[in-house]
Amino acid sequence: MGLFSFLFGNRTKKIQEFQSRNAIILDVRSKGEYQGGAIPGSKNIPLQQLSVRMNEIKKWNKPVITCCASGVRSGSAASILRSNGVEAMNGGGWFSLSKKL
């Protein structure tokens, strides 16, 4: 098993498992980036607004799959969400995530 497979091999299965529980796709790019193209039905909360909108996210009471342009901001977002008690995973870049949904 290569390092890439070890690190990312189970992501597709985890995405499917989250989706089976009606996960919310949360795009953490800027509003302008989101308007330029996004996963249909996803919600947009820019990473900088995540902390102040945490109560709103918690009220969804669903697992969250984060995405952004490349996976860096969504990784930070997933970590922030988990540290606030939200079940979350990093879905990576929005375009590659859209192909797994």
C-alpha atoms as a PDB file:
ATOM      1  CA  MET A   1       0.000   0.000   0.000  1.00  0.00           C
ATOM      2  CA  GLY A   2       1.446   3.347  -1.020  1.00  0.00           C
ATOM      3  CA  LEU A   3       1.471   6.408   1.171  1.00  0.00           C
ATOM      4  CA  PHE A   4      -1.213   8.112  -0.924  1.00  0.00           C
ATOM      5  CA  SER A   5      -3.528   5.106  -0.603  1.00  0.00           C
ATOM      6  CA  PHE A   6      -2.832   4.914   3.109  1.00  0.00           C
ATOM      7  CA  LEU A   7      -3.681   8.581   3.623  1.00  0.00           C
ATOM      8  CA  PHE A   8      -6.584   8.942   1.207  1.00  0.00           C
ATOM      9  CA  GLY A   9      -7.725   5.456   0.212  1.00  0.00           C
ATOM     10  CA  ASN A  10     -10.706   5.304   2.539  1.00  0.00           C
ATOM     11  CA  ARG A  11     -11.954   8.829   1.744  1.00  0.00           C
ATOM     12  CA  THR A  12     -14.454   7.635  -0.890  1.00  0.00           C
ATOM     13  CA  LYS A  13     -15.912   5.059   1.503  1.00  0.00           C
ATOM     14  CA  LYS A  14     -16.144   7.634   4.287  1.00  0.00           C
ATOM     15  CA  ILE A  15     -17.833  10.124   1.937  1.00  0.00           C
ATOM     16  CA  GLN A  16     -20.380   7.463   0.986  1.00  0.00           C
ATOM     17  CA  GLU A  17     -20.971   6.608   4.635  1.00  0.00           C
ATOM     18  CA  PHE A  18     -21.485  10.288   5.517  1.00  0.00           C
ATOM     19  CA  GLN A  19     -23.830  10.720   2.551  1.00  0.00           C
ATOM     20  CA  SER A  20     -25.908   7.725   3.626  1.00  0.00           C
ATOM     21  CA  ARG A  21     -26.605   9.758   6.780  1.00  0.00           C
ATOM     22  CA  ASN A  22     -27.689  12.873   4.840  1.00  0.00           C
ATOM     23  CA  ALA A  23     -24.443  14.793   5.275  1.00  0.00           C
ATOM     24  CA  ILE A  24     -24.309  18.475   4.435  1.00  0.00           C
ATOM     25  CA  ILE A  25     -21.695  19.523   1.884  1.00  0.00           C
ATOM     26  CA  LEU A  26     -20.100  22.679   3.262  1.00  0.00           C
ATOM     27  CA  ASP A  27     -18.022  24.724   0.828  1.00  0.00           C
ATOM     28  CA  VAL A  28     -15.664  26.982   2.760  1.00  0.00           C
ATOM     29  CA  ARG A  29     -14.396  29.055  -0.176  1.00  0.00           C
ATOM     30  CA  SER A  30     -15.159  32.747  -0.520  1.00  0.00           C
ATOM     31  CA  LYS A  31     -18.570  33.802  -1.812  1.00  0.00           C
ATOM     32  CA  GLY A  32     -17.012  34.833  -5.140  1.00  0.00           C
ATOM     33  CA  GLU A  33     -15.270  31.477  -5.578  1.00  0.00           C
ATOM     34  CA  TYR A  34     -18.482  29.650  -4.708  1.00  0.00           C
ATOM     35  CA  GLN A  35     -20.484  31.662  -7.231  1.00  0.00           C
ATOM     36  CA  GLY A  36     -17.953  30.687  -9.898  1.00  0.00           C
ATOM     37  CA  GLY A  37     -18.911  27.013  -9.557  1.00  0.00           C
ATOM     38  CA  ALA A  38     -19.969  24.695  -6.759  1.00  0.00           C
ATOM     39  CA  ILE A  39     -21.577  21.380  -5.913  1.00  0.00           C
ATOM     40  CA  PRO A  40     -25.346  21.664  -6.382  1.00  0.00           C
ATOM     41  CA  GLY A  41     -27.116  21.760  -3.017  1.00  0.00           C
ATOM     42  CA  SER A  42     -23.963  22.587  -1.070  1.00  0.00           C
ATOM     43  CA  LYS A  43     -23.905  25.351   1.532  1.00  0.00           C
ATOM     44  CA  ASN A  44     -21.342  28.142   1.468  1.00  0.00           C
ATOM     45  CA  ILE A  45     -19.796  29.447   4.656  1.00  0.00           C
ATOM     46  CA  PRO A  46     -16.332  30.925   4.066  1.00  0.00           C
ATOM     47  CA  LEU A  47     -13.650  29.584   6.398  1.00  0.00           C
ATOM     48  CA  GLN A  48     -13.239  33.009   8.033  1.00  0.00           C
ATOM     49  CA  GLN A  49     -16.927  32.960   9.111  1.00  0.00           C
ATOM     50  CA  LEU A  50     -16.957  29.396  10.432  1.00  0.00           C
ATOM     51  CA  SER A  51     -16.458  30.211  14.109  1.00  0.00           C
ATOM     52  CA  VAL A  52     -19.134  32.919  14.255  1.00  0.00           C
ATOM     53  CA  ARG A  53     -21.635  30.657  12.459  1.00  0.00           C
ATOM     54  CA  MET A  54     -20.911  27.521  14.499  1.00  0.00           C
ATOM     55  CA  ASN A  55     -24.313  27.528  16.239  1.00  0.00           C
ATOM     56  CA  GLU A  56     -26.025  27.579  12.843  1.00  0.00           C
ATOM     57  CA  ILE A  57     -23.955  24.581  11.717  1.00  0.00           C
ATOM     58  CA  LYS A  58     -24.648  22.672  14.932  1.00  0.00           C
ATOM     59  CA  LYS A  59     -28.395  23.159  14.398  1.00  0.00           C
ATOM     60  CA  TRP A  60     -28.152  21.163  11.154  1.00  0.00           C
ATOM     61  CA  ASN A  61     -27.572  18.131  13.393  1.00  0.00           C
ATOM     62  CA  LYS A  62     -26.015  16.230  10.479  1.00  0.00           C
ATOM     63  CA  PRO A  63     -22.527  15.126   9.539  1.00  0.00           C
ATOM     64  CA  VAL A  64     -20.613  17.648   7.431  1.00  0.00           C
ATOM     65  CA  ILE A  65     -18.320  17.098   4.452  1.00  0.00           C
ATOM     66  CA  THR A  66     -16.156  20.165   3.902  1.00  0.00           C
ATOM     67  CA  CYS A  67     -14.711  21.224   0.554  1.00  0.00           C
ATOM     68  CA  CYS A  68     -12.811  24.149  -0.942  1.00  0.00           C
ATOM     69  CA  ALA A  69     -10.601  24.667  -4.002  1.00  0.00           C
ATOM     70  CA  SER A  70      -7.763  22.267  -3.156  1.00  0.00           C
ATOM     71  CA  GLY A  71      -8.530  20.673   0.204  1.00  0.00           C
ATOM     72  CA  VAL A  72      -6.364  22.879   2.428  1.00  0.00           C
ATOM     73  CA  ARG A  73      -9.067  25.231   3.760  1.00  0.00           C
ATOM     74  CA  SER A  74     -11.561  22.371   3.972  1.00  0.00           C
ATOM     75  CA  GLY A  75      -9.055  20.427   6.089  1.00  0.00           C
ATOM     76  CA  SER A  76      -8.829  23.352   8.489  1.00  0.00           C
ATOM     77  CA  ALA A  77     -12.623  23.686   8.490  1.00  0.00           C
ATOM     78  CA  ALA A  78     -13.164  20.000   9.270  1.00  0.00           C
ATOM     79  CA  SER A  79     -10.714  20.252  12.159  1.00  0.00           C
ATOM     80  CA  ILE A  80     -12.461  23.352  13.545  1.00  0.00           C
ATOM     81  CA  LEU A  81     -15.857  21.671  13.246  1.00  0.00           C
ATOM     82  CA  ARG A  82     -14.676  18.490  14.974  1.00  0.00           C
ATOM     83  CA  SER A  83     -13.134  20.525  17.804  1.00  0.00           C
ATOM     84  CA  ASN A  84     -16.576  22.089  18.296  1.00  0.00           C
ATOM     85  CA  GLY A  85     -18.370  18.745  18.474  1.00  0.00           C
ATOM     86  CA  VAL A  86     -19.570  18.549  14.857  1.00  0.00           C
ATOM     87  CA  GLU A  87     -19.003  15.275  13.025  1.00  0.00           C
ATOM     88  CA  ALA A  88     -17.006  16.424  10.007  1.00  0.00           C
ATOM     89  CA  MET A  89     -14.593  15.191   7.374  1.00  0.00           C
ATOM     90  CA  ASN A  90     -12.456  16.870   4.748  1.00  0.00           C
ATOM     91  CA  GLY A  91     -13.870  16.112   1.302  1.00  0.00           C
ATOM     92  CA  GLY A  92     -11.004  17.943  -0.424  1.00  0.00           C
ATOM     93  CA  GLY A  93     -11.380  20.055  -3.530  1.00  0.00           C
ATOM     94  CA  TRP A  94     -14.975  20.711  -4.559  1.00  0.00           C
ATOM     95  CA  PHE A  95     -14.521  19.602  -8.166  1.00  0.00           C
ATOM     96  CA  SER A  96     -12.965  16.227  -7.298  1.00  0.00           C
ATOM     97  CA  LEU A  97     -15.508  15.750  -4.492  1.00  0.00           C
ATOM     98  CA  SER A  98     -18.366  16.344  -6.937  1.00  0.00           C
ATOM     99  CA  LYS A  99     -17.185  13.300  -8.932  1.00  0.00           C
ATOM    100  CA  LYS A 100     -17.415  11.093  -5.802  1.00  0.00           C
ATOM    101  CA  LEU A 101     -20.963  12.073  -4.913  1.00  0.00           C
END
